Protein backbone atom coordinates (compact mmCIF):
# COMPACT_ATOMS: atom_id res chain seq x y z
CA MET A 1 5.36 -28.56 -13.20
CA THR A 2 2.20 -29.59 -11.39
CA ASN A 3 -1.33 -28.65 -12.36
CA ARG A 4 -1.77 -26.95 -8.99
CA TRP A 5 1.03 -24.45 -9.57
CA GLU A 6 -0.03 -23.82 -13.15
CA ALA A 7 -3.54 -23.09 -11.86
CA PHE A 8 -2.06 -20.54 -9.47
CA ARG A 9 -0.20 -18.92 -12.35
CA GLN A 10 -3.42 -18.59 -14.31
CA ARG A 11 -5.04 -16.86 -11.32
CA LEU A 12 -2.33 -14.22 -10.91
CA GLU A 13 -3.84 -10.77 -11.42
CA PRO A 14 -2.05 -8.81 -12.64
CA ARG A 15 0.41 -11.19 -14.30
CA PRO A 16 3.98 -9.95 -13.70
CA SER A 17 6.43 -9.42 -16.55
CA GLY A 18 9.83 -7.86 -17.13
CA LYS A 19 12.33 -7.17 -14.34
CA CYS A 20 10.82 -7.66 -10.88
CA LEU A 21 11.91 -7.71 -7.26
CA ILE A 22 10.14 -10.16 -4.91
CA GLY A 23 9.67 -9.36 -1.23
CA LEU A 24 10.77 -12.69 0.26
CA SER A 25 10.28 -13.06 4.02
CA GLY A 26 10.63 -16.83 4.09
CA GLY A 27 7.00 -17.28 5.14
CA ALA A 28 4.65 -19.59 3.27
CA ASP A 29 3.12 -16.87 1.11
CA SER A 30 6.35 -15.42 -0.26
CA VAL A 31 7.91 -18.86 -0.73
CA ALA A 32 4.80 -19.95 -2.66
CA LEU A 33 4.88 -16.77 -4.76
CA THR A 34 8.49 -17.45 -5.72
CA ARG A 35 7.62 -21.07 -6.54
CA ILE A 36 4.81 -19.85 -8.79
CA LEU A 37 7.09 -17.41 -10.63
CA LEU A 38 10.14 -19.65 -11.14
CA PRO A 39 8.77 -21.45 -14.23
CA MET A 40 7.87 -18.06 -15.72
CA ARG A 41 11.47 -16.99 -15.16
CA ASP A 42 12.77 -20.18 -16.77
CA ALA A 43 10.50 -19.55 -19.78
CA GLY A 44 11.88 -16.02 -20.19
CA GLU A 45 8.61 -14.31 -19.27
CA ILE A 46 10.04 -12.55 -16.22
CA GLU A 47 13.38 -11.64 -14.58
CA ILE A 48 13.34 -11.95 -10.82
CA GLU A 49 15.51 -10.92 -7.92
CA ALA A 50 14.52 -11.08 -4.26
CA ILE A 51 14.91 -8.95 -1.16
CA HIS A 52 14.76 -10.16 2.42
CA VAL A 53 14.34 -7.62 5.21
CA ASN A 54 15.50 -8.47 8.74
CA HIS A 55 13.64 -6.16 11.10
CA GLY A 56 15.96 -6.98 14.00
CA ILE A 57 12.99 -7.60 16.30
CA ARG A 58 13.05 -11.37 16.84
CA GLY A 59 16.79 -11.90 17.32
CA PRO A 60 17.98 -15.44 16.50
CA GLU A 61 14.62 -16.33 14.94
CA ALA A 62 14.96 -13.47 12.45
CA ASP A 63 18.52 -14.56 11.69
CA GLY A 64 17.14 -18.05 11.06
CA ASP A 65 14.65 -16.59 8.59
CA GLU A 66 17.47 -14.86 6.74
CA ALA A 67 19.56 -18.03 6.62
CA PHE A 68 16.56 -19.96 5.29
CA VAL A 69 15.95 -17.38 2.55
CA ARG A 70 19.63 -17.37 1.57
CA LYS A 71 19.56 -21.15 1.15
CA PHE A 72 16.25 -21.10 -0.72
CA CYS A 73 17.49 -18.48 -3.19
CA ALA A 74 20.82 -20.23 -3.70
CA GLU A 75 19.03 -23.50 -4.48
CA ASN A 76 16.76 -21.80 -6.99
CA GLY A 77 19.27 -19.48 -8.64
CA VAL A 78 17.62 -16.27 -7.43
CA THR A 79 19.75 -13.19 -6.78
CA LEU A 80 19.10 -12.10 -3.19
CA HIS A 81 19.46 -8.72 -1.53
CA THR A 82 19.25 -8.40 2.24
CA ALA A 83 18.60 -5.43 4.50
CA ARG A 84 18.78 -5.08 8.27
CA LEU A 85 16.63 -2.39 9.80
CA ASP A 86 17.05 -0.26 12.90
CA LEU A 87 13.56 0.60 14.13
CA ALA A 88 14.86 2.55 17.13
CA GLY A 89 12.93 0.34 19.53
CA ARG A 90 9.59 0.75 17.75
CA GLU A 91 7.82 -2.49 16.87
CA ASP A 92 4.47 -1.25 15.58
CA GLU A 93 3.28 -2.46 12.20
CA ASN A 94 3.32 0.96 10.51
CA THR A 95 6.93 1.71 11.47
CA ALA A 96 8.11 -1.70 10.29
CA ARG A 97 6.18 -1.44 7.02
CA GLU A 98 7.48 2.01 6.12
CA ALA A 99 11.06 1.00 6.92
CA ARG A 100 10.60 -2.12 4.81
CA TYR A 101 9.36 -0.10 1.85
CA ARG A 102 12.36 2.21 2.11
CA ALA A 103 14.61 -0.85 1.90
CA TYR A 104 12.67 -2.08 -1.13
CA ALA A 105 12.95 1.31 -2.82
CA GLN A 106 16.70 1.45 -2.37
CA VAL A 107 17.24 -1.89 -4.11
CA LEU A 108 14.73 -1.07 -6.86
CA ARG A 109 16.57 2.18 -7.52
CA GLU A 110 20.08 0.71 -7.39
CA ARG A 111 19.21 -2.27 -9.58
CA GLU A 112 16.97 -0.24 -11.92
CA ILE A 113 14.08 -2.65 -11.36
CA PRO A 114 10.68 -1.08 -12.11
CA THR A 115 8.40 -3.55 -10.33
CA LEU A 116 8.07 -4.88 -6.78
CA ILE A 117 6.00 -8.04 -6.28
CA LEU A 118 4.53 -8.72 -2.83
CA ALA A 119 2.98 -11.96 -1.59
CA HIS A 120 -0.16 -10.62 0.05
CA GLN A 121 -3.02 -13.06 -0.45
CA ARG A 122 -6.79 -13.17 -0.01
CA ASP A 123 -6.74 -13.65 3.77
CA ASP A 124 -4.38 -10.68 4.19
CA GLN A 125 -6.83 -8.60 2.18
CA ALA A 126 -9.78 -9.63 4.36
CA GLU A 127 -7.78 -8.79 7.51
CA THR A 128 -6.72 -5.41 6.13
CA PHE A 129 -10.30 -4.56 5.19
CA LEU A 130 -11.55 -5.34 8.72
CA MET A 131 -8.62 -3.53 10.35
CA HIS A 132 -9.35 -0.38 8.35
CA LEU A 133 -13.09 -0.70 9.03
CA ILE A 134 -12.50 -0.94 12.78
CA ARG A 135 -10.33 2.18 12.64
CA GLY A 136 -13.07 4.13 10.86
CA ALA A 137 -11.50 4.39 7.41
CA GLY A 138 -13.33 5.91 4.48
CA PRO A 139 -13.65 4.32 1.03
CA ALA A 140 -9.97 4.88 0.20
CA GLY A 141 -9.00 2.78 3.22
CA LEU A 142 -11.70 0.17 2.67
CA ARG A 143 -10.33 -0.76 -0.71
CA ALA A 144 -7.55 -2.23 1.45
CA MET A 145 -4.58 -3.41 -0.62
CA ARG A 146 -4.49 -2.76 -4.34
CA SER A 147 -3.36 -5.41 -6.81
CA ARG A 148 -1.51 -2.69 -8.75
CA GLU A 149 -0.17 0.46 -7.10
CA LYS A 150 2.28 3.16 -8.13
CA ARG A 151 4.60 4.29 -5.34
CA ASN A 152 7.60 6.63 -5.51
CA GLY A 153 8.28 5.92 -9.17
CA TYR A 154 7.96 2.14 -9.10
CA MET A 155 5.05 -0.27 -9.52
CA ILE A 156 3.86 -2.59 -6.75
CA LEU A 157 2.04 -5.75 -7.78
CA ARG A 158 0.07 -7.97 -5.42
CA PRO A 159 -1.01 -10.72 -7.84
CA MET A 160 -2.26 -13.26 -5.26
CA LEU A 161 -5.16 -11.36 -3.69
CA ASP A 162 -7.61 -13.94 -5.04
CA ILE A 163 -5.67 -16.94 -3.69
CA SER A 164 -6.10 -18.09 -0.09
CA GLY A 165 -3.29 -18.73 2.35
CA GLU A 166 -4.65 -22.22 2.97
CA GLU A 167 -4.34 -23.10 -0.71
CA LEU A 168 -0.74 -21.92 -0.80
CA ARG A 169 0.26 -23.86 2.31
CA GLU A 170 -1.40 -27.01 1.02
CA ALA A 171 0.52 -26.73 -2.24
CA LEU A 172 3.84 -26.23 -0.45
CA ALA A 173 3.20 -29.14 1.91
CA ALA A 174 2.23 -31.43 -0.96
CA GLU A 175 5.66 -30.85 -2.56
CA GLY A 176 7.58 -30.90 0.71
CA ILE A 177 8.67 -27.29 0.29
CA PRO A 178 9.48 -25.80 3.72
CA TRP A 179 8.78 -22.29 4.95
CA ARG A 180 9.32 -20.26 8.11
CA GLU A 181 6.67 -19.34 10.67
CA ASP A 182 6.84 -15.98 12.47
CA ARG A 183 5.75 -16.51 16.08
CA THR A 184 4.74 -12.82 16.38
CA ASN A 185 1.90 -13.57 13.95
CA ARG A 186 0.15 -15.27 16.85
CA GLU A 187 0.65 -12.54 19.46
CA PRO A 188 -2.72 -10.89 20.25
CA ARG A 189 -1.17 -7.52 21.08
CA TYR A 190 -1.34 -6.62 17.39
CA LEU A 191 -4.76 -5.69 15.98
CA ARG A 192 -4.19 -7.64 12.77
CA ASN A 193 -3.41 -10.77 14.77
CA ARG A 194 -6.56 -10.42 16.86
CA ILE A 195 -8.56 -10.10 13.68
CA ARG A 196 -6.87 -13.19 12.24
CA LEU A 197 -7.01 -15.34 15.37
CA GLU A 198 -10.22 -14.20 17.07
CA ILE A 199 -12.57 -12.12 14.93
CA LEU A 200 -12.39 -13.84 11.55
CA PRO A 201 -12.80 -17.38 12.97
CA GLU A 202 -15.97 -16.24 14.75
CA MET A 203 -17.25 -14.54 11.63
CA GLU A 204 -16.51 -17.71 9.68
CA LYS A 205 -18.79 -19.66 12.02
CA ILE A 206 -21.64 -17.25 11.29
CA ALA A 207 -20.93 -16.82 7.57
CA PRO A 208 -18.69 -19.49 6.05
CA GLY A 209 -16.54 -18.07 3.27
CA ILE A 210 -16.46 -14.61 4.85
CA ARG A 211 -12.79 -14.03 3.91
CA THR A 212 -13.60 -14.43 0.23
CA ARG A 213 -16.54 -12.04 0.47
CA LEU A 214 -14.59 -9.41 2.41
CA ALA A 215 -11.77 -9.52 -0.14
CA ARG A 216 -14.33 -9.23 -2.94
CA THR A 217 -15.95 -6.23 -1.25
CA ALA A 218 -12.56 -4.54 -0.96
CA ARG A 219 -11.96 -5.14 -4.67
CA MET A 220 -15.34 -3.65 -5.65
CA ILE A 221 -14.75 -0.59 -3.47
CA GLY A 222 -11.34 -0.26 -5.10
CA GLU A 223 -12.84 -0.27 -8.57
CA ASP A 224 -15.25 2.50 -7.60
CA GLU A 225 -12.43 4.46 -5.97
CA ASP A 226 -10.31 4.23 -9.11
CA ALA A 227 -13.15 5.71 -11.18
CA LEU A 228 -13.72 8.57 -8.73
CA ASP A 229 -9.99 9.20 -8.42
CA ALA A 230 -9.64 9.46 -12.20
CA ARG A 231 -12.36 12.13 -12.39
CA ALA A 232 -10.87 14.04 -9.44
CA GLU A 233 -7.42 13.97 -11.04
CA ARG A 234 -8.74 15.30 -14.35
CA LEU A 235 -10.66 18.14 -12.69
CA LEU A 236 -7.67 19.01 -10.53
CA ALA A 237 -5.39 19.24 -13.57
CA GLU A 238 -7.86 21.60 -15.25
CA ASN A 239 -8.58 23.83 -12.26
CA SER A 240 -5.41 24.20 -10.19
CA GLY A 241 -1.80 25.32 -10.35
CA ALA A 242 1.24 25.69 -8.11
CA GLY A 243 -0.23 26.35 -4.69
CA TRP A 244 -3.81 27.20 -5.74
CA ILE A 245 -7.08 25.51 -6.63
CA GLY A 246 -10.25 27.07 -8.04
CA THR A 247 -13.24 27.09 -5.70
CA ASP A 248 -15.96 27.28 -8.37
CA VAL A 249 -15.31 23.73 -9.56
CA LEU A 250 -15.12 22.49 -5.97
CA ARG A 251 -18.49 24.06 -5.23
CA ALA A 252 -20.05 22.42 -8.28
CA GLU A 253 -18.84 18.88 -7.54
CA PRO A 254 -20.35 16.38 -5.07
CA GLU A 255 -18.51 15.77 -1.83
CA ALA A 256 -17.04 12.48 -3.07
CA ILE A 257 -15.15 14.31 -5.83
CA ARG A 258 -14.51 17.50 -3.88
CA SER A 259 -12.75 15.74 -1.00
CA ARG A 260 -10.58 13.74 -3.39
CA MET A 261 -9.54 16.88 -5.23
CA LEU A 262 -8.54 18.61 -2.00
CA ARG A 263 -6.52 15.66 -0.72
CA ARG A 264 -4.72 15.31 -4.05
CA TRP A 265 -4.06 19.06 -4.14
CA TRP A 266 -2.46 18.80 -0.70
CA ARG A 267 -0.32 15.81 -1.71
CA LYS A 268 0.91 17.63 -4.81
CA ASN A 269 1.62 21.00 -3.19
CA GLY A 270 2.03 20.42 0.55
CA PRO A 271 5.13 19.50 2.55
CA GLU A 272 6.88 16.14 2.48
CA LEU A 273 5.56 14.38 5.58
CA ASP A 274 5.57 10.78 6.78
CA GLU A 275 1.77 10.96 6.68
CA ARG A 276 0.81 12.89 3.55
CA GLU A 277 -2.96 12.41 3.67
CA LEU A 278 -5.21 15.00 5.25
CA SER A 279 -7.46 13.67 7.99
CA TYR A 280 -11.23 13.71 7.61
CA ALA A 281 -11.47 16.75 9.91
CA GLN A 282 -8.73 18.64 8.07
CA THR A 283 -10.38 17.95 4.72
CA LYS A 284 -13.69 19.25 6.10
CA ARG A 285 -11.99 22.47 7.25
CA LEU A 286 -10.63 22.98 3.74
CA GLU A 287 -14.09 22.42 2.29
CA GLU A 288 -15.44 25.22 4.49
CA LEU A 289 -13.13 27.64 2.68
CA ILE A 290 -15.05 27.06 -0.55
CA THR A 291 -17.96 29.23 0.61
CA ALA A 292 -16.02 31.37 3.10
CA GLY A 293 -15.31 35.04 2.60
CA PRO A 294 -12.02 36.33 1.12
CA GLY A 295 -9.14 36.23 3.58
CA THR A 296 -10.52 33.36 5.64
CA THR A 297 -7.68 31.04 6.69
CA VAL A 298 -7.53 27.48 8.05
CA ASN A 299 -4.59 25.72 9.67
CA LEU A 300 -3.09 22.58 8.10
CA PRO A 301 -0.39 20.09 9.18
CA ALA A 302 3.25 21.14 9.72
CA GLY A 303 2.39 24.81 10.16
CA TRP A 304 0.94 25.24 6.67
CA ARG A 305 -2.29 27.17 6.02
CA ALA A 306 -4.88 27.63 3.29
CA ARG A 307 -6.54 30.97 2.55
CA LYS A 308 -9.55 31.97 0.45
CA ARG A 309 -8.69 34.57 -2.17
CA LYS A 310 -10.81 35.75 -5.15
CA GLY A 311 -12.35 32.49 -6.26
CA ARG A 312 -9.29 30.47 -5.34
CA MET A 313 -7.89 28.61 -2.37
CA ILE A 314 -4.22 29.45 -1.79
CA LEU A 315 -1.78 27.19 0.04
CA ILE A 316 0.58 29.10 2.36
CA PRO A 317 3.78 27.30 3.44
CA ALA A 318 5.02 27.28 6.99
CA GLU A 319 7.41 30.07 7.86
CA GLY A 320 10.76 29.50 6.17
CA LYS A 321 9.30 26.95 3.73
CA ALA A 322 8.83 29.24 0.76
CA ARG A 323 7.61 28.03 -2.61
CA PRO A 324 7.95 29.83 -5.97
CA ARG A 325 5.55 32.76 -6.32
CA THR A 326 2.88 32.40 -8.97
CA GLU A 327 0.48 34.82 -10.61
CA SER A 328 -2.16 33.75 -8.13
CA ASP A 329 -0.01 35.01 -5.26
CA ARG A 330 -0.03 38.50 -6.73
CA THR A 331 -3.79 38.76 -7.36
């Protein structure tokens, strides 16, 4: 064990424990993450398995990545699961990510593993922050990636968000540990790549250390978001039910809480969609119902509607998508 790797272990936040599944692409970050965790496994602190996802986009290169990961896991005694995806010709980042998470979820469910560990590091966080900023995200988007996140019944940990990619590559190179490079990471057609290859280097010239500061800003926004989310969740639990939410509490709260309550209400009661979040404009339309007269209705995604009714906002499913009737439906 080298001091460098032990130092990385001390910087993991949060520190993984129990049964975990590692997302292992074969790139430097995921190889380094596995290298960091192996001594913890050997000491009995953690049980690890790995999953490698072949997106089927890069042909023989992707097959080479899979072969590399198979060899790496065999040499280190790590149980490996593989998945090959059919993206139906779509190569955008969102489609690939969602398909990847579905593959993760299947293995987590089948193997009864409660925790997924991903190798995102500080530079990824800075890129994500800028990408969301450019797209006009609000505070929820500007917190970028969370170090701990609950998703579909399992926990996602990203324990390396305070470690730079350069540090990880230097550590691997010093020990002669190989990794795979994805050539698409250098193609400027993707926004993230342009941020990595063009924007951040220029920002670094103006303000050295900008990646660290951007990642720190994302973390601080995330901490504020968690506090606001907790208050919104408590108020929602106290002032809503199946398909309804009280408008008096919404009127009394500041916009920061009000908008969070409405988006959470929609996620809990609305339809299952690929994109569950309401847009900024849709949230604003819902807010207008708070002071609207009884019977006022606004349209929502997938044919759903919301209607003002006697101090409450009622969610109305699309035709043929009935939900159980509640007392609020009859008043």
